[in-house]
Amino acid sequence: MLRDADPQHGTAAAFTIQRAAWGGNGLHGHVSDVAVLGTCPPNRVATSLVAALGGPQEYIFGNLAICGSQSAPGNEEPLLCGLTEAQQDLIHDVHAAVSKEAAGSS
């Protein structure tokens, strides 16, 4: 989980970062919903991370959790699962890059 400086939590909202192709793996994000919009600034690192991974380019407020997803035959909803080693490496590398960029722009 990538946390920002604000410990407040709202109710969870979920979204697709990378859609799981047939038999493949995807990425699914979970964030606090609009309940925290007025209580904390945007989480710049999480917002940049999701955009760099190909997810929606919208501000993320509060904490971000990323999990894996898989397509299920005959079901449009993704099945949530753990991250593969390749996904963990990708998230680690992208997080390091956007964190370094965010620190340089402060």
C-alpha atoms as a PDB file:
ATOM      1  CA  MET A   1       0.000   0.000   0.000  1.00  0.00           C
ATOM      2  CA  LEU A   2       1.294   3.450  -0.878  1.00  0.00           C
ATOM      3  CA  ARG A   3       0.268   5.873   1.847  1.00  0.00           C
ATOM      4  CA  ASP A   4       0.357   9.629   1.776  1.00  0.00           C
ATOM      5  CA  ALA A   5       0.846  11.804   4.846  1.00  0.00           C
ATOM      6  CA  ASP A   6      -2.862  11.896   5.789  1.00  0.00           C
ATOM      7  CA  PRO A   7      -4.027   8.922   7.910  1.00  0.00           C
ATOM      8  CA  GLN A   8      -7.750   9.490   7.252  1.00  0.00           C
ATOM      9  CA  HIS A   9      -9.573   6.791   5.340  1.00  0.00           C
ATOM     10  CA  GLY A  10     -12.856   6.996   3.465  1.00  0.00           C
ATOM     11  CA  THR A  11     -14.833   4.170   1.970  1.00  0.00           C
ATOM     12  CA  ALA A  12     -13.039   2.208  -0.720  1.00  0.00           C
ATOM     13  CA  ALA A  13     -13.359   2.878  -4.435  1.00  0.00           C
ATOM     14  CA  ALA A  14     -11.855   0.485  -6.991  1.00  0.00           C
ATOM     15  CA  PHE A  15     -10.679   0.986 -10.558  1.00  0.00           C
ATOM     16  CA  THR A  16      -8.757  -0.819 -13.291  1.00  0.00           C
ATOM     17  CA  ILE A  17      -5.154   0.251 -13.879  1.00  0.00           C
ATOM     18  CA  GLN A  18      -4.324  -2.403 -16.480  1.00  0.00           C
ATOM     19  CA  ARG A  19      -7.099  -4.627 -17.812  1.00  0.00           C
ATOM     20  CA  ALA A  20      -6.435  -8.362 -17.563  1.00  0.00           C
ATOM     21  CA  ALA A  21      -6.394  -9.868 -21.044  1.00  0.00           C
ATOM     22  CA  TRP A  22      -7.840 -13.345 -21.605  1.00  0.00           C
ATOM     23  CA  GLY A  23      -5.836 -15.628 -19.327  1.00  0.00           C
ATOM     24  CA  GLY A  24      -3.430 -12.816 -18.439  1.00  0.00           C
ATOM     25  CA  ASN A  25      -2.814 -10.617 -15.444  1.00  0.00           C
ATOM     26  CA  GLY A  26      -3.913  -7.053 -14.831  1.00  0.00           C
ATOM     27  CA  LEU A  27      -3.629  -4.415 -12.121  1.00  0.00           C
ATOM     28  CA  HIS A  28      -6.461  -3.105  -9.983  1.00  0.00           C
ATOM     29  CA  GLY A  29      -6.303  -0.018  -7.741  1.00  0.00           C
ATOM     30  CA  HIS A  30      -8.189   0.689  -4.535  1.00  0.00           C
ATOM     31  CA  VAL A  31      -8.406   4.186  -3.036  1.00  0.00           C
ATOM     32  CA  SER A  32     -10.436   6.238  -0.619  1.00  0.00           C
ATOM     33  CA  ASP A  33     -13.459   7.730  -2.314  1.00  0.00           C
ATOM     34  CA  VAL A  34     -14.728  11.312  -2.340  1.00  0.00           C
ATOM     35  CA  ALA A  35     -15.178  11.295   1.445  1.00  0.00           C
ATOM     36  CA  VAL A  36     -11.552  12.451   1.761  1.00  0.00           C
ATOM     37  CA  LEU A  37     -11.500  14.930  -1.140  1.00  0.00           C
ATOM     38  CA  GLY A  38     -11.808  17.998   1.062  1.00  0.00           C
ATOM     39  CA  THR A  39      -9.674  16.687   3.907  1.00  0.00           C
ATOM     40  CA  CYS A  40      -6.285  16.114   2.281  1.00  0.00           C
ATOM     41  CA  PRO A  41      -4.264  17.219  -0.745  1.00  0.00           C
ATOM     42  CA  PRO A  42      -3.830  14.944  -3.751  1.00  0.00           C
ATOM     43  CA  ASN A  43      -1.372  12.075  -3.287  1.00  0.00           C
ATOM     44  CA  ARG A  44       1.101  13.167  -5.981  1.00  0.00           C
ATOM     45  CA  VAL A  45       3.163   9.969  -5.972  1.00  0.00           C
ATOM     46  CA  ALA A  46       0.129   7.670  -6.228  1.00  0.00           C
ATOM     47  CA  THR A  47      -1.442   9.853  -8.943  1.00  0.00           C
ATOM     48  CA  SER A  48       1.780   9.787 -11.005  1.00  0.00           C
ATOM     49  CA  LEU A  49       2.296   6.057 -10.396  1.00  0.00           C
ATOM     50  CA  VAL A  50      -1.180   5.104 -11.651  1.00  0.00           C
ATOM     51  CA  ALA A  51      -0.806   7.355 -14.725  1.00  0.00           C
ATOM     52  CA  ALA A  52       2.647   5.883 -15.508  1.00  0.00           C
ATOM     53  CA  LEU A  53       1.207   2.360 -15.278  1.00  0.00           C
ATOM     54  CA  GLY A  54      -1.448   3.280 -17.863  1.00  0.00           C
ATOM     55  CA  GLY A  55      -4.335   3.796 -15.441  1.00  0.00           C
ATOM     56  CA  PRO A  56      -6.798   6.679 -15.282  1.00  0.00           C
ATOM     57  CA  GLN A  57      -5.224  10.122 -15.160  1.00  0.00           C
ATOM     58  CA  GLU A  58      -7.207  11.458 -12.226  1.00  0.00           C
ATOM     59  CA  TYR A  59      -6.091  12.770  -8.856  1.00  0.00           C
ATOM     60  CA  ILE A  60      -5.828  10.193  -6.096  1.00  0.00           C
ATOM     61  CA  PHE A  61      -6.504  11.374  -2.558  1.00  0.00           C
ATOM     62  CA  GLY A  62      -5.420   9.381   0.466  1.00  0.00           C
ATOM     63  CA  ASN A  63      -3.915   5.919   0.252  1.00  0.00           C
ATOM     64  CA  LEU A  64      -3.541   3.652  -2.775  1.00  0.00           C
ATOM     65  CA  ALA A  65      -3.464  -0.144  -2.714  1.00  0.00           C
ATOM     66  CA  ILE A  66      -2.655  -2.089  -5.884  1.00  0.00           C
ATOM     67  CA  CYS A  67      -3.497  -5.751  -6.359  1.00  0.00           C
ATOM     68  CA  GLY A  68      -3.395  -8.146  -9.260  1.00  0.00           C
ATOM     69  CA  SER A  69      -6.391  -9.197 -11.288  1.00  0.00           C
ATOM     70  CA  GLN A  70      -7.184 -12.002 -13.712  1.00  0.00           C
ATOM     71  CA  SER A  71      -9.914 -12.372 -16.293  1.00  0.00           C
ATOM     72  CA  ALA A  72     -12.549 -14.953 -15.515  1.00  0.00           C
ATOM     73  CA  PRO A  73     -14.174 -16.954 -18.317  1.00  0.00           C
ATOM     74  CA  GLY A  74     -17.768 -15.835 -18.794  1.00  0.00           C
ATOM     75  CA  ASN A  75     -17.465 -13.035 -16.225  1.00  0.00           C
ATOM     76  CA  GLU A  76     -16.840  -9.375 -16.952  1.00  0.00           C
ATOM     77  CA  GLU A  77     -15.640  -8.650 -13.411  1.00  0.00           C
ATOM     78  CA  PRO A  78     -11.938  -9.240 -12.773  1.00  0.00           C
ATOM     79  CA  LEU A  79     -10.904 -11.738 -10.118  1.00  0.00           C
ATOM     80  CA  LEU A  80      -8.594 -10.037  -7.639  1.00  0.00           C
ATOM     81  CA  CYS A  81      -5.364 -11.839  -6.785  1.00  0.00           C
ATOM     82  CA  GLY A  82      -1.838 -11.246  -5.597  1.00  0.00           C
ATOM     83  CA  LEU A  83       0.744  -9.491  -7.732  1.00  0.00           C
ATOM     84  CA  THR A  84       3.072 -11.532  -9.902  1.00  0.00           C
ATOM     85  CA  GLU A  85       6.806 -11.063  -9.391  1.00  0.00           C
ATOM     86  CA  ALA A  86       6.972  -9.149 -12.691  1.00  0.00           C
ATOM     87  CA  GLN A  87       4.167  -6.814 -11.546  1.00  0.00           C
ATOM     88  CA  GLN A  88       5.919  -6.241  -8.216  1.00  0.00           C
ATOM     89  CA  ASP A  89       9.154  -5.364 -10.022  1.00  0.00           C
ATOM     90  CA  LEU A  90       7.315  -3.028 -12.408  1.00  0.00           C
ATOM     91  CA  ILE A  91       5.508  -1.206  -9.595  1.00  0.00           C
ATOM     92  CA  HIS A  92       8.747  -0.935  -7.599  1.00  0.00           C
ATOM     93  CA  ASP A  93      10.646   0.556 -10.544  1.00  0.00           C
ATOM     94  CA  VAL A  94       7.890   2.987 -11.538  1.00  0.00           C
ATOM     95  CA  HIS A  95       7.353   4.013  -7.894  1.00  0.00           C
ATOM     96  CA  ALA A  96      11.081   4.748  -7.521  1.00  0.00           C
ATOM     97  CA  ALA A  97      11.029   6.921 -10.654  1.00  0.00           C
ATOM     98  CA  VAL A  98       7.922   8.936  -9.765  1.00  0.00           C
ATOM     99  CA  SER A  99       9.077   9.339  -6.148  1.00  0.00           C
ATOM    100  CA  LYS A 100      12.401  10.725  -7.332  1.00  0.00           C
ATOM    101  CA  GLU A 101      10.595  13.085  -9.712  1.00  0.00           C
ATOM    102  CA  ALA A 102       8.187  14.236  -6.983  1.00  0.00           C
ATOM    103  CA  ALA A 103      11.076  14.876  -4.574  1.00  0.00           C
ATOM    104  CA  GLY A 104      12.848  16.963  -7.218  1.00  0.00           C
ATOM    105  CA  SER A 105       9.791  19.125  -7.855  1.00  0.00           C
ATOM    106  CA  SER A 106       9.176  19.920  -4.157  1.00  0.00           C
END
